C-alpha atoms as a PDB file:
ATOM      1  CA  MET A   1     141.534   2.514 -38.961  1.00  0.00           C
ATOM      2  CA  SER A   2     138.007   4.789 -39.028  1.00  0.00           C
ATOM      3  CA  ASP A   3     137.751   7.882 -41.463  1.00  0.00           C
ATOM      4  CA  THR A   4     136.673  10.880 -39.284  1.00  0.00           C
ATOM      5  CA  ARG A   5     136.571  13.615 -41.353  1.00  0.00           C
ATOM      6  CA  GLN A   6     133.574  16.166 -40.396  1.00  0.00           C
ATOM      7  CA  PRO A   7     131.106  14.816 -43.033  1.00  0.00           C
ATOM      8  CA  ALA A   8     130.363  17.564 -45.380  1.00  0.00           C
ATOM      9  CA  PRO A   9     126.271  18.689 -45.583  1.00  0.00           C
ATOM     10  CA  ILE A  10     124.289  16.165 -47.854  1.00  0.00           C
ATOM     11  CA  ASP A  11     121.630  17.554 -50.044  1.00  0.00           C
ATOM     12  CA  ARG A  12     121.982  16.055 -53.658  1.00  0.00           C
ATOM     13  CA  ILE A  13     121.850  12.170 -53.356  1.00  0.00           C
ATOM     14  CA  ALA A  14     122.328   9.744 -56.236  1.00  0.00           C
ATOM     15  CA  ILE A  15     120.696   6.806 -56.487  1.00  0.00           C
ATOM     16  CA  ILE A  16     122.488   3.950 -59.011  1.00  0.00           C
ATOM     17  CA  GLY A  17     119.651   1.181 -59.990  1.00  0.00           C
ATOM     18  CA  GLY A  18     116.443   2.037 -61.389  1.00  0.00           C
ATOM     19  CA  GLY A  19     114.328  -0.946 -60.247  1.00  0.00           C
ATOM     20  CA  ALA A  20     111.635  -1.106 -57.455  1.00  0.00           C
ATOM     21  CA  TRP A  21     114.283  -0.940 -54.628  1.00  0.00           C
ATOM     22  CA  GLY A  22     116.333   2.152 -56.666  1.00  0.00           C
ATOM     23  CA  SER A  23     112.867   3.604 -56.904  1.00  0.00           C
ATOM     24  CA  ALA A  24     111.685   3.667 -53.701  1.00  0.00           C
ATOM     25  CA  LEU A  25     114.852   4.798 -52.178  1.00  0.00           C
ATOM     26  CA  ALA A  26     114.994   7.721 -54.707  1.00  0.00           C
ATOM     27  CA  LEU A  27     111.281   8.643 -53.087  1.00  0.00           C
ATOM     28  CA  THR A  28     112.707   8.610 -49.469  1.00  0.00           C
ATOM     29  CA  ALA A  29     115.422  10.536 -50.169  1.00  0.00           C
ATOM     30  CA  ALA A  30     112.745  13.313 -51.934  1.00  0.00           C
ATOM     31  CA  ARG A  31     110.893  12.909 -49.486  1.00  0.00           C
ATOM     32  CA  ALA A  32     113.549  13.421 -46.783  1.00  0.00           C
ATOM     33  CA  GLY A  33     114.011  16.710 -48.337  1.00  0.00           C
ATOM     34  CA  ARG A  34     116.724  16.030 -50.513  1.00  0.00           C
ATOM     35  CA  GLN A  35     117.548  16.446 -54.700  1.00  0.00           C
ATOM     36  CA  ALA A  36     117.491  12.729 -55.774  1.00  0.00           C
ATOM     37  CA  MET A  37     119.198  12.194 -59.022  1.00  0.00           C
ATOM     38  CA  LEU A  38     118.310   8.254 -60.032  1.00  0.00           C
ATOM     39  CA  TRP A  39     120.224   6.510 -62.817  1.00  0.00           C
ATOM     40  CA  ALA A  40     118.370   3.953 -64.448  1.00  0.00           C
ATOM     41  CA  ARG A  41     119.851   1.527 -67.546  1.00  0.00           C
ATOM     42  CA  ASP A  42     116.737   1.506 -69.382  1.00  0.00           C
ATOM     43  CA  PRO A  43     115.529   4.586 -71.413  1.00  0.00           C
ATOM     44  CA  GLN A  44     111.906   3.842 -70.906  1.00  0.00           C
ATOM     45  CA  THR A  45     112.177   4.299 -67.130  1.00  0.00           C
ATOM     46  CA  VAL A  46     114.305   7.751 -67.511  1.00  0.00           C
ATOM     47  CA  ARG A  47     111.221   8.929 -69.599  1.00  0.00           C
ATOM     48  CA  SER A  48     109.075   7.862 -67.628  1.00  0.00           C
ATOM     49  CA  VAL A  49     110.250   9.210 -64.145  1.00  0.00           C
ATOM     50  CA  ASN A  50     111.161  12.882 -65.529  1.00  0.00           C
ATOM     51  CA  ALA A  51     107.811  13.097 -67.329  1.00  0.00           C
ATOM     52  CA  GLY A  52     106.695  12.493 -63.472  1.00  0.00           C
ATOM     53  CA  LYS A  53     104.607   9.305 -64.531  1.00  0.00           C
ATOM     54  CA  GLY A  54     106.759   7.224 -61.810  1.00  0.00           C
ATOM     55  CA  ASN A  55     108.161   3.461 -62.791  1.00  0.00           C
ATOM     56  CA  PRO A  56     105.770   1.731 -64.337  1.00  0.00           C
ATOM     57  CA  VAL A  57     107.627  -1.242 -64.673  1.00  0.00           C
ATOM     58  CA  TYR A  58     109.174  -1.812 -61.711  1.00  0.00           C
ATOM     59  CA  LEU A  59     106.571   0.000 -59.838  1.00  0.00           C
ATOM     60  CA  PRO A  60     103.239   0.190 -61.757  1.00  0.00           C
ATOM     61  CA  ASP A  61     100.799   1.060 -58.380  1.00  0.00           C
ATOM     62  CA  VAL A  62     102.911   3.718 -56.728  1.00  0.00           C
ATOM     63  CA  ALA A  63     102.337   7.275 -57.735  1.00  0.00           C
ATOM     64  CA  PHE A  64     105.446   9.241 -57.106  1.00  0.00           C
ATOM     65  CA  ASP A  65     104.435  11.725 -54.816  1.00  0.00           C
ATOM     66  CA  HIS A  66     107.476  14.393 -55.280  1.00  0.00           C
ATOM     67  CA  ALA A  67     109.871  15.145 -57.860  1.00  0.00           C
ATOM     68  CA  ILE A  68     112.955  12.675 -58.833  1.00  0.00           C
ATOM     69  CA  ALA A  69     115.322  13.761 -61.880  1.00  0.00           C
ATOM     70  CA  ALA A  70     116.622  10.547 -63.956  1.00  0.00           C
ATOM     71  CA  THR A  71     119.350  10.112 -66.278  1.00  0.00           C
ATOM     72  CA  GLY A  72     120.765   7.112 -67.986  1.00  0.00           C
ATOM     73  CA  ASP A  73     124.574   8.869 -68.010  1.00  0.00           C
ATOM     74  CA  ILE A  74     126.197   7.795 -64.424  1.00  0.00           C
ATOM     75  CA  ALA A  75     128.800  10.322 -64.532  1.00  0.00           C
ATOM     76  CA  ALA A  76     126.130  13.251 -65.026  1.00  0.00           C
ATOM     77  CA  ALA A  77     124.157  11.269 -62.189  1.00  0.00           C
ATOM     78  CA  VAL A  78     127.156  11.330 -59.227  1.00  0.00           C
ATOM     79  CA  ALA A  79     128.342  14.869 -60.789  1.00  0.00           C
ATOM     80  CA  ASP A  80     128.119  17.147 -57.321  1.00  0.00           C
ATOM     81  CA  ALA A  81     126.241  14.149 -55.472  1.00  0.00           C
ATOM     82  CA  ASP A  82     127.102  14.222 -51.662  1.00  0.00           C
ATOM     83  CA  ALA A  83     126.156  10.916 -51.441  1.00  0.00           C
ATOM     84  CA  VAL A  84     125.681   7.710 -53.499  1.00  0.00           C
ATOM     85  CA  LEU A  85     123.239   5.163 -53.096  1.00  0.00           C
ATOM     86  CA  LEU A  86     124.420   1.654 -54.883  1.00  0.00           C
ATOM     87  CA  VAL A  87     121.132  -0.312 -55.312  1.00  0.00           C
ATOM     88  CA  THR A  88     121.994  -2.433 -57.828  1.00  0.00           C
ATOM     89  CA  PRO A  89     122.312  -6.998 -57.599  1.00  0.00           C
ATOM     90  CA  ALA A  90     124.827  -8.034 -55.278  1.00  0.00           C
ATOM     91  CA  GLN A  91     126.801  -9.799 -57.968  1.00  0.00           C
ATOM     92  CA  THR A  92     127.353  -6.527 -59.952  1.00  0.00           C
ATOM     93  CA  THR A  93     128.740  -4.623 -57.119  1.00  0.00           C
ATOM     94  CA  ARG A  94     132.386  -4.920 -58.325  1.00  0.00           C
ATOM     95  CA  ALA A  95     131.418  -4.083 -62.053  1.00  0.00           C
ATOM     96  CA  MET A  96     129.343  -0.992 -60.701  1.00  0.00           C
ATOM     97  CA  ALA A  97     131.565   0.522 -58.841  1.00  0.00           C
ATOM     98  CA  GLU A  98     134.188   0.111 -61.191  1.00  0.00           C
ATOM     99  CA  THR A  99     132.434   1.926 -63.116  1.00  0.00           C
ATOM    100  CA  LEU A 100     131.580   4.314 -60.920  1.00  0.00           C
ATOM    101  CA  ALA A 101     135.131   5.453 -59.258  1.00  0.00           C
ATOM    102  CA  PRO A 102     136.468   7.207 -62.315  1.00  0.00           C
ATOM    103  CA  HIS A 103     133.387   9.869 -61.610  1.00  0.00           C
ATOM    104  CA  LEU A 104     133.348  10.098 -57.965  1.00  0.00           C
ATOM    105  CA  ALA A 105     134.939  12.949 -55.564  1.00  0.00           C
ATOM    106  CA  PRO A 106     137.526  11.508 -53.606  1.00  0.00           C
ATOM    107  CA  GLY A 107     135.903  10.847 -49.823  1.00  0.00           C
ATOM    108  CA  THR A 108     131.946  10.664 -51.206  1.00  0.00           C
ATOM    109  CA  PRO A 109     130.437   8.391 -49.373  1.00  0.00           C
ATOM    110  CA  VAL A 110     128.525   5.501 -50.820  1.00  0.00           C
ATOM    111  CA  ILE A 111     125.879   3.320 -49.395  1.00  0.00           C
ATOM    112  CA  LEU A 112     125.893  -0.203 -50.254  1.00  0.00           C
ATOM    113  CA  CYS A 113     121.643  -1.713 -50.435  1.00  0.00           C
ATOM    114  CA  ALA A 114     122.333  -4.714 -52.005  1.00  0.00           C
ATOM    115  CA  LYS A 115     122.322  -8.278 -49.539  1.00  0.00           C
ATOM    116  CA  GLY A 116     125.097 -10.894 -50.411  1.00  0.00           C
ATOM    117  CA  ILE A 117     128.112 -12.287 -50.490  1.00  0.00           C
ATOM    118  CA  GLU A 118     130.590 -12.092 -53.627  1.00  0.00           C
ATOM    119  CA  ARG A 119     130.416 -15.295 -55.180  1.00  0.00           C
ATOM    120  CA  ASP A 120     134.138 -15.237 -56.409  1.00  0.00           C
ATOM    121  CA  THR A 121     135.780 -13.961 -53.477  1.00  0.00           C
ATOM    122  CA  GLY A 122     133.909 -14.861 -50.508  1.00  0.00           C
ATOM    123  CA  LEU A 123     134.197 -10.859 -49.486  1.00  0.00           C
ATOM    124  CA  LEU A 124     131.398  -8.533 -47.920  1.00  0.00           C
ATOM    125  CA  LEU A 125     130.220  -6.327 -50.380  1.00  0.00           C
ATOM    126  CA  GLY A 126     132.036  -3.117 -48.836  1.00  0.00           C
ATOM    127  CA  GLU A 127     135.361  -4.861 -48.969  1.00  0.00           C
ATOM    128  CA  VAL A 128     134.300  -5.375 -52.898  1.00  0.00           C
ATOM    129  CA  LEU A 129     133.475  -1.588 -52.491  1.00  0.00           C
ATOM    130  CA  SER A 130     136.775  -0.688 -50.851  1.00  0.00           C
ATOM    131  CA  GLN A 131     138.885  -2.561 -53.611  1.00  0.00           C
ATOM    132  CA  ALA A 132     136.731  -1.511 -56.294  1.00  0.00           C
ATOM    133  CA  ALA A 133     136.518   2.534 -55.578  1.00  0.00           C
ATOM    134  CA  PRO A 134     139.094   2.991 -52.870  1.00  0.00           C
ATOM    135  CA  GLY A 135     138.355   7.072 -52.837  1.00  0.00           C
ATOM    136  CA  CYS A 136     134.759   6.530 -51.675  1.00  0.00           C
ATOM    137  CA  ARG A 137     133.765   5.960 -48.071  1.00  0.00           C
ATOM    138  CA  PRO A 138     131.991   2.813 -47.943  1.00  0.00           C
ATOM    139  CA  ALA A 139     128.183   2.397 -45.914  1.00  0.00           C
ATOM    140  CA  VAL A 140     125.584   0.046 -45.910  1.00  0.00           C
ATOM    141  CA  LEU A 141     121.956   0.492 -45.812  1.00  0.00           C
ATOM    142  CA  SER A 142     119.716  -3.066 -44.452  1.00  0.00           C
ATOM    143  CA  GLY A 143     117.012  -4.032 -42.410  1.00  0.00           C
ATOM    144  CA  PRO A 144     113.029  -5.127 -42.917  1.00  0.00           C
ATOM    145  CA  SER A 145     112.261  -3.094 -46.088  1.00  0.00           C
ATOM    146  CA  PHE A 146     110.425  -4.341 -49.001  1.00  0.00           C
ATOM    147  CA  ALA A 147     110.339  -1.710 -52.014  1.00  0.00           C
ATOM    148  CA  GLY A 148     106.633  -1.657 -52.077  1.00  0.00           C
ATOM    149  CA  ASP A 149     106.068  -0.487 -48.979  1.00  0.00           C
ATOM    150  CA  VAL A 150     109.078   1.595 -48.501  1.00  0.00           C
ATOM    151  CA  ALA A 151     107.425   3.203 -51.962  1.00  0.00           C
ATOM    152  CA  ARG A 152     104.071   3.771 -50.894  1.00  0.00           C
ATOM    153  CA  GLY A 153     105.238   5.724 -47.940  1.00  0.00           C
ATOM    154  CA  LEU A 154     104.710   2.745 -45.094  1.00  0.00           C
ATOM    155  CA  PRO A 155     106.625   3.149 -41.990  1.00  0.00           C
ATOM    156  CA  THR A 156     110.061   1.811 -42.174  1.00  0.00           C
ATOM    157  CA  ALA A 157     113.017   1.302 -39.659  1.00  0.00           C
ATOM    158  CA  VAL A 158     116.256   0.325 -40.882  1.00  0.00           C
ATOM    159  CA  THR A 159     119.986   0.025 -40.125  1.00  0.00           C
ATOM    160  CA  LEU A 160     122.360   2.375 -41.705  1.00  0.00           C
ATOM    161  CA  ALA A 161     126.177   1.781 -40.641  1.00  0.00           C
ATOM    162  CA  ALA A 162     129.484   3.388 -41.537  1.00  0.00           C
ATOM    163  CA  ALA A 163     132.558   2.680 -39.957  1.00  0.00           C
ATOM    164  CA  ASP A 164     132.839   6.816 -38.850  1.00  0.00           C
ATOM    165  CA  GLY A 165     129.904   7.103 -36.667  1.00  0.00           C
ATOM    166  CA  ALA A 166     129.354  11.076 -37.344  1.00  0.00           C
ATOM    167  CA  LEU A 167     129.146   9.887 -41.294  1.00  0.00           C
ATOM    168  CA  ALA A 168     126.733   7.084 -40.385  1.00  0.00           C
ATOM    169  CA  ASP A 169     124.622   9.816 -38.512  1.00  0.00           C
ATOM    170  CA  ALA A 170     124.634  11.832 -41.152  1.00  0.00           C
ATOM    171  CA  LEU A 171     123.552   9.817 -44.032  1.00  0.00           C
ATOM    172  CA  SER A 172     120.964   8.541 -41.492  1.00  0.00           C
ATOM    173  CA  GLN A 173     120.118  12.614 -40.989  1.00  0.00           C
ATOM    174  CA  ALA A 174     119.484  12.491 -44.734  1.00  0.00           C
ATOM    175  CA  LEU A 175     117.476   9.757 -45.339  1.00  0.00           C
ATOM    176  CA  ALA A 176     115.194  10.305 -42.168  1.00  0.00           C
ATOM    177  CA  SER A 177     111.611  11.361 -42.390  1.00  0.00           C
ATOM    178  CA  ALA A 178     108.134  10.632 -41.438  1.00  0.00           C
ATOM    179  CA  GLN A 179     107.987   7.676 -43.350  1.00  0.00           C
ATOM    180  CA  PHE A 180     111.202   6.254 -43.020  1.00  0.00           C
ATOM    181  CA  ARG A 181     113.570   6.042 -39.621  1.00  0.00           C
ATOM    182  CA  PRO A 182     117.526   5.088 -39.916  1.00  0.00           C
ATOM    183  CA  TYR A 183     119.680   4.293 -37.361  1.00  0.00           C
ATOM    184  CA  ALA A 184     123.034   4.885 -37.085  1.00  0.00           C
ATOM    185  CA  SER A 185     125.727   2.344 -37.157  1.00  0.00           C
ATOM    186  CA  THR A 186     129.060   1.705 -36.767  1.00  0.00           C
ATOM    187  CA  ASP A 187     129.362  -2.104 -37.529  1.00  0.00           C
ATOM    188  CA  LEU A 188     129.601  -2.916 -41.033  1.00  0.00           C
ATOM    189  CA  VAL A 189     130.264  -6.478 -40.765  1.00  0.00           C
ATOM    190  CA  GLY A 190     127.221  -6.619 -38.684  1.00  0.00           C
ATOM    191  CA  VAL A 191     125.231  -5.090 -40.816  1.00  0.00           C
ATOM    192  CA  GLN A 192     125.862  -6.747 -43.977  1.00  0.00           C
ATOM    193  CA  VAL A 193     125.897 -10.191 -42.408  1.00  0.00           C
ATOM    194  CA  GLY A 194     122.426 -10.181 -41.584  1.00  0.00           C
ATOM    195  CA  GLY A 195     121.423  -8.721 -44.475  1.00  0.00           C
ATOM    196  CA  ALA A 196     123.195 -11.685 -46.814  1.00  0.00           C
ATOM    197  CA  LEU A 197     122.376 -14.396 -44.425  1.00  0.00           C
ATOM    198  CA  LYS A 198     118.769 -13.946 -44.264  1.00  0.00           C
ATOM    199  CA  ASN A 199     118.349 -14.570 -47.683  1.00  0.00           C
ATOM    200  CA  VAL A 200     119.928 -17.841 -47.847  1.00  0.00           C
ATOM    201  CA  LEU A 201     117.686 -18.796 -44.842  1.00  0.00           C
ATOM    202  CA  ALA A 202     114.535 -16.872 -46.362  1.00  0.00           C
ATOM    203  CA  ILE A 203     115.198 -20.071 -49.483  1.00  0.00           C
ATOM    204  CA  ALA A 204     114.408 -22.862 -46.447  1.00  0.00           C
ATOM    205  CA  CYS A 205     111.256 -21.077 -45.370  1.00  0.00           C
ATOM    206  CA  GLY A 206     109.806 -20.667 -48.433  1.00  0.00           C
ATOM    207  CA  ALA A 207     110.253 -23.976 -49.167  1.00  0.00           C
ATOM    208  CA  VAL A 208     108.994 -25.078 -45.781  1.00  0.00           C
ATOM    209  CA  ALA A 209     105.881 -22.951 -46.879  1.00  0.00           C
ATOM    210  CA  GLY A 210     105.867 -24.408 -50.366  1.00  0.00           C
ATOM    211  CA  LYS A 211     105.794 -27.832 -48.969  1.00  0.00           C
ATOM    212  CA  GLY A 212     103.007 -27.510 -46.850  1.00  0.00           C
ATOM    213  CA  TRP A 213     104.583 -28.581 -43.410  1.00  0.00           C
ATOM    214  CA  GLY A 214     103.287 -26.046 -41.357  1.00  0.00           C
ATOM    215  CA  ALA A 215     103.858 -23.023 -38.895  1.00  0.00           C
ATOM    216  CA  SER A 216     105.433 -24.254 -36.462  1.00  0.00           C
ATOM    217  CA  ALA A 217     108.355 -25.845 -38.746  1.00  0.00           C
ATOM    218  CA  LEU A 218     108.786 -22.329 -40.126  1.00  0.00           C
ATOM    219  CA  ALA A 219     108.872 -20.783 -36.670  1.00  0.00           C
ATOM    220  CA  ALA A 220     111.751 -23.454 -35.547  1.00  0.00           C
ATOM    221  CA  LEU A 221     113.625 -23.235 -38.642  1.00  0.00           C
ATOM    222  CA  THR A 222     113.652 -19.616 -38.277  1.00  0.00           C
ATOM    223  CA  ALA A 223     115.106 -19.400 -34.669  1.00  0.00           C
ATOM    224  CA  ARG A 224     117.725 -21.886 -36.149  1.00  0.00           C
ATOM    225  CA  GLY A 225     118.163 -20.190 -38.730  1.00  0.00           C
ATOM    226  CA  PHE A 226     119.031 -17.098 -36.570  1.00  0.00           C
ATOM    227  CA  ALA A 227     120.970 -18.992 -34.401  1.00  0.00           C
ATOM    228  CA  GLU A 228     123.116 -20.050 -37.906  1.00  0.00           C
ATOM    229  CA  LEU A 229     123.450 -16.466 -38.461  1.00  0.00           C
ATOM    230  CA  THR A 230     124.186 -15.166 -35.000  1.00  0.00           C
ATOM    231  CA  ARG A 231     127.360 -17.530 -34.426  1.00  0.00           C
ATOM    232  CA  LEU A 232     128.989 -16.736 -38.408  1.00  0.00           C
ATOM    233  CA  GLY A 233     128.247 -12.998 -37.627  1.00  0.00           C
ATOM    234  CA  LEU A 234     130.306 -13.379 -34.165  1.00  0.00           C
ATOM    235  CA  ALA A 235     133.200 -15.127 -35.549  1.00  0.00           C
ATOM    236  CA  LEU A 236     133.587 -12.642 -38.447  1.00  0.00           C
ATOM    237  CA  GLY A 237     133.531  -9.754 -36.245  1.00  0.00           C
ATOM    238  CA  ALA A 238     129.723  -8.341 -36.203  1.00  0.00           C
ATOM    239  CA  ARG A 239     128.402  -7.080 -32.546  1.00  0.00           C
ATOM    240  CA  PRO A 240     125.541  -8.949 -30.876  1.00  0.00           C
ATOM    241  CA  GLU A 241     123.593  -6.033 -30.483  1.00  0.00           C
ATOM    242  CA  THR A 242     123.610  -5.498 -34.280  1.00  0.00           C
ATOM    243  CA  LEU A 243     122.759  -9.395 -35.179  1.00  0.00           C
ATOM    244  CA  THR A 244     118.992  -8.839 -32.703  1.00  0.00           C
ATOM    245  CA  GLY A 245     118.418  -5.258 -34.460  1.00  0.00           C
ATOM    246  CA  LEU A 246     116.892  -4.328 -37.507  1.00  0.00           C
ATOM    247  CA  SER A 247     119.284  -5.417 -39.914  1.00  0.00           C
ATOM    248  CA  GLY A 248     119.673  -8.787 -37.991  1.00  0.00           C
ATOM    249  CA  LEU A 249     116.726 -10.419 -36.611  1.00  0.00           C
ATOM    250  CA  GLY A 250     114.196  -8.003 -38.321  1.00  0.00           C
ATOM    251  CA  ASP A 251     115.233  -8.516 -41.503  1.00  0.00           C
ATOM    252  CA  LEU A 252     114.877 -12.162 -41.233  1.00  0.00           C
ATOM    253  CA  VAL A 253     111.580 -12.045 -39.521  1.00  0.00           C
ATOM    254  CA  LEU A 254     110.434 -10.128 -42.380  1.00  0.00           C
ATOM    255  CA  THR A 255     112.341 -11.981 -45.099  1.00  0.00           C
ATOM    256  CA  CYS A 256     111.253 -15.703 -43.930  1.00  0.00           C
ATOM    257  CA  SER A 257     107.650 -14.668 -43.814  1.00  0.00           C
ATOM    258  CA  SER A 258     106.690 -13.217 -46.646  1.00  0.00           C
ATOM    259  CA  PRO A 259     106.216 -14.206 -50.399  1.00  0.00           C
ATOM    260  CA  GLN A 260     107.234 -10.392 -51.122  1.00  0.00           C
ATOM    261  CA  SER A 261     110.551 -12.070 -50.336  1.00  0.00           C
ATOM    262  CA  ARG A 262     111.933 -12.666 -54.142  1.00  0.00           C
ATOM    263  CA  ASN A 263     113.861 -15.085 -51.801  1.00  0.00           C
ATOM    264  CA  PHE A 264     110.891 -16.633 -49.965  1.00  0.00           C
ATOM    265  CA  ALA A 265     109.073 -16.959 -52.821  1.00  0.00           C
ATOM    266  CA  PHE A 266     112.262 -18.745 -54.247  1.00  0.00           C
ATOM    267  CA  GLY A 267     111.882 -21.241 -51.868  1.00  0.00           C
ATOM    268  CA  MET A 268     108.363 -21.490 -51.964  1.00  0.00           C
ATOM    269  CA  ALA A 269     108.381 -22.099 -55.814  1.00  0.00           C
ATOM    270  CA  LEU A 270     111.140 -25.487 -54.834  1.00  0.00           C
ATOM    271  CA  GLY A 271     108.309 -26.529 -52.384  1.00  0.00           C
ATOM    272  CA  GLU A 272     106.114 -26.593 -54.683  1.00  0.00           C
ATOM    273  CA  GLY A 273     107.721 -28.589 -56.963  1.00  0.00           C
ATOM    274  CA  ARG A 274     109.693 -26.323 -59.283  1.00  0.00           C
ATOM    275  CA  THR A 275     113.126 -27.025 -59.693  1.00  0.00           C
ATOM    276  CA  VAL A 276     116.114 -24.764 -59.808  1.00  0.00           C
ATOM    277  CA  THR A 277     117.152 -25.040 -63.140  1.00  0.00           C
ATOM    278  CA  GLU A 278     113.479 -23.998 -64.353  1.00  0.00           C
ATOM    279  CA  LEU A 279     113.427 -21.251 -61.452  1.00  0.00           C
ATOM    280  CA  ALA A 280     116.869 -19.566 -63.558  1.00  0.00           C
ATOM    281  CA  ALA A 281     115.102 -19.877 -67.170  1.00  0.00           C
ATOM    282  CA  GLY A 282     112.602 -17.486 -65.732  1.00  0.00           C
ATOM    283  CA  GLY A 283     114.836 -14.773 -65.025  1.00  0.00           C
ATOM    284  CA  LYS A 284     116.719 -12.748 -62.316  1.00  0.00           C
ATOM    285  CA  LEU A 285     117.986 -15.746 -59.627  1.00  0.00           C
ATOM    286  CA  ALA A 286     117.111 -14.939 -55.884  1.00  0.00           C
ATOM    287  CA  GLU A 287     120.192 -13.760 -53.896  1.00  0.00           C
ATOM    288  CA  GLY A 288     120.413 -16.248 -51.799  1.00  0.00           C
ATOM    289  CA  VAL A 289     121.461 -18.280 -54.785  1.00  0.00           C
ATOM    290  CA  HIS A 290     124.365 -17.033 -55.534  1.00  0.00           C
ATOM    291  CA  SER A 291     125.021 -16.761 -51.343  1.00  0.00           C
ATOM    292  CA  ALA A 292     124.472 -20.497 -50.240  1.00  0.00           C
ATOM    293  CA  ALA A 293     127.547 -22.065 -50.815  1.00  0.00           C
ATOM    294  CA  ILE A 294     130.290 -19.081 -50.208  1.00  0.00           C
ATOM    295  CA  ALA A 295     128.627 -18.887 -46.781  1.00  0.00           C
ATOM    296  CA  VAL A 296     128.596 -22.348 -45.677  1.00  0.00           C
ATOM    297  CA  ASP A 297     132.317 -22.105 -47.156  1.00  0.00           C
ATOM    298  CA  LEU A 298     133.070 -18.695 -44.894  1.00  0.00           C
ATOM    299  CA  ALA A 299     131.452 -21.015 -41.849  1.00  0.00           C
ATOM    300  CA  ALA A 300     133.564 -24.391 -42.768  1.00  0.00           C
ATOM    301  CA  ARG A 301     136.189 -21.934 -42.731  1.00  0.00           C
ATOM    302  CA  HIS A 302     135.658 -20.144 -39.152  1.00  0.00           C
ATOM    303  CA  GLY A 303     134.495 -24.121 -37.658  1.00  0.00           C
ATOM    304  CA  ILE A 304     130.807 -22.785 -37.481  1.00  0.00           C
ATOM    305  CA  GLU A 305     128.106 -25.352 -38.026  1.00  0.00           C
ATOM    306  CA  MET A 306     125.571 -24.261 -39.816  1.00  0.00           C
ATOM    307  CA  PRO A 307     123.092 -27.217 -40.910  1.00  0.00           C
ATOM    308  CA  ILE A 308     120.905 -25.419 -42.320  1.00  0.00           C
ATOM    309  CA  GLY A 309     122.451 -23.291 -44.842  1.00  0.00           C
ATOM    310  CA  THR A 310     124.570 -26.301 -45.465  1.00  0.00           C
ATOM    311  CA  ALA A 311     120.841 -28.058 -46.255  1.00  0.00           C
ATOM    312  CA  VAL A 312     120.060 -24.999 -48.700  1.00  0.00           C
ATOM    313  CA  SER A 313     122.992 -25.123 -50.827  1.00  0.00           C
ATOM    314  CA  ALA A 314     122.954 -28.938 -51.280  1.00  0.00           C
ATOM    315  CA  VAL A 315     119.378 -28.676 -52.441  1.00  0.00           C
ATOM    316  CA  LEU A 316     120.540 -25.267 -54.374  1.00  0.00           C
ATOM    317  CA  GLU A 317     123.007 -27.630 -56.103  1.00  0.00           C
ATOM    318  CA  GLY A 318     120.708 -30.603 -56.776  1.00  0.00           C
ATOM    319  CA  ARG A 319     122.704 -33.084 -54.155  1.00  0.00           C
ATOM    320  CA  ILE A 320     119.724 -33.620 -52.239  1.00  0.00           C
ATOM    321  CA  GLY A 321     115.967 -33.429 -52.630  1.00  0.00           C
ATOM    322  CA  LEU A 322     113.747 -31.017 -49.886  1.00  0.00           C
ATOM    323  CA  ASP A 323     112.738 -34.445 -47.678  1.00  0.00           C
ATOM    324  CA  ALA A 324     116.330 -35.623 -47.286  1.00  0.00           C
ATOM    325  CA  ALA A 325     117.157 -31.897 -46.707  1.00  0.00           C
ATOM    326  CA  LEU A 326     114.713 -32.088 -43.846  1.00  0.00           C
ATOM    327  CA  ALA A 327     115.278 -35.577 -42.315  1.00  0.00           C
ATOM    328  CA  SER A 328     118.851 -34.416 -42.553  1.00  0.00           C
ATOM    329  CA  LEU A 329     118.336 -31.533 -40.021  1.00  0.00           C
ATOM    330  CA  MET A 330     115.374 -33.392 -38.052  1.00  0.00           C
ATOM    331  CA  THR A 331     117.907 -36.529 -37.629  1.00  0.00           C
ATOM    332  CA  ARG A 332     121.001 -34.731 -36.044  1.00  0.00           C
ATOM    333  CA  PRO A 333     122.019 -35.862 -32.668  1.00  0.00           C
ATOM    334  CA  LEU A 334     120.006 -34.591 -30.217  1.00  0.00           C
ATOM    335  CA  ARG A 335     121.918 -31.469 -28.089  1.00  0.00           C
ATOM    336  CA  ARG A 336     120.669 -28.820 -25.403  1.00  0.00           C
ATOM    337  CA  GLU A 337     119.915 -25.610 -27.080  1.00  0.00           C
ATOM    338  CA  ALA A 338     122.513 -22.944 -25.093  1.00  0.00           C
END
């Protein structure tokens, strides 16, 4: 049952995560006229933001055009916050939510800004948040948005979902500005599924680009990937209009077409001949690497065909190479499109 309490005024927003996306969303909140408090693990980032010098580590070319406060103390970050943006990697959601929980006032909206599926449980991040911080009100922000574009104030539209429509409206209003347009939704499942699965599909599209297989193959893979995303999303309870909206098709098109996407860039590196082991040694893995196998498992549990996702998972696990993965897709039995 959805929570239908009247949302309190939203003026003070805590942003948990001092990377590029967290800093971009802190700027977004400030541009919308909110008091933005950024929590960052890195003391250098905290000092720089508080000195008005921006975030030179993650956004070196972006001058902050609004004042933002920063802290390395989570309790201080969320004290008196009207809403919290959780902008840490998807696989750390449970641990971060458990850390936040004791410091949150009951009923505080917590907006998930990562995209993925918990690797160990197969749960969507909203379910993880509800388990780890049961006193909060979960929401999700997702859509076609690169951190650099948002940080620079370039026009961006996203979806912001909460189970209660009044809360989704209030949170969208709190973050809206001339540069940033959130569309409210009550379809938490659909918004999360689109964000998680597009990461997996972006790895496939990046690999096609890296192998030089051409724009026609890239377009076909994006379209057929969207069919897989839609089938699984509907099976999990998503609404069709969400999957064809900003957080589904919109985010898929962006992520599957640009090396600004970490997942596309990861796939592109695979296509150019690098291995998963080499890329893992170079730093954080793209989120789609974590989500691929569990997405395929979810599809199997629901009797859903996901041949592109299955091929991506097999490549990432080292069971087949890219040429064999392409052959497995191109030689599947012919069928009608609809």
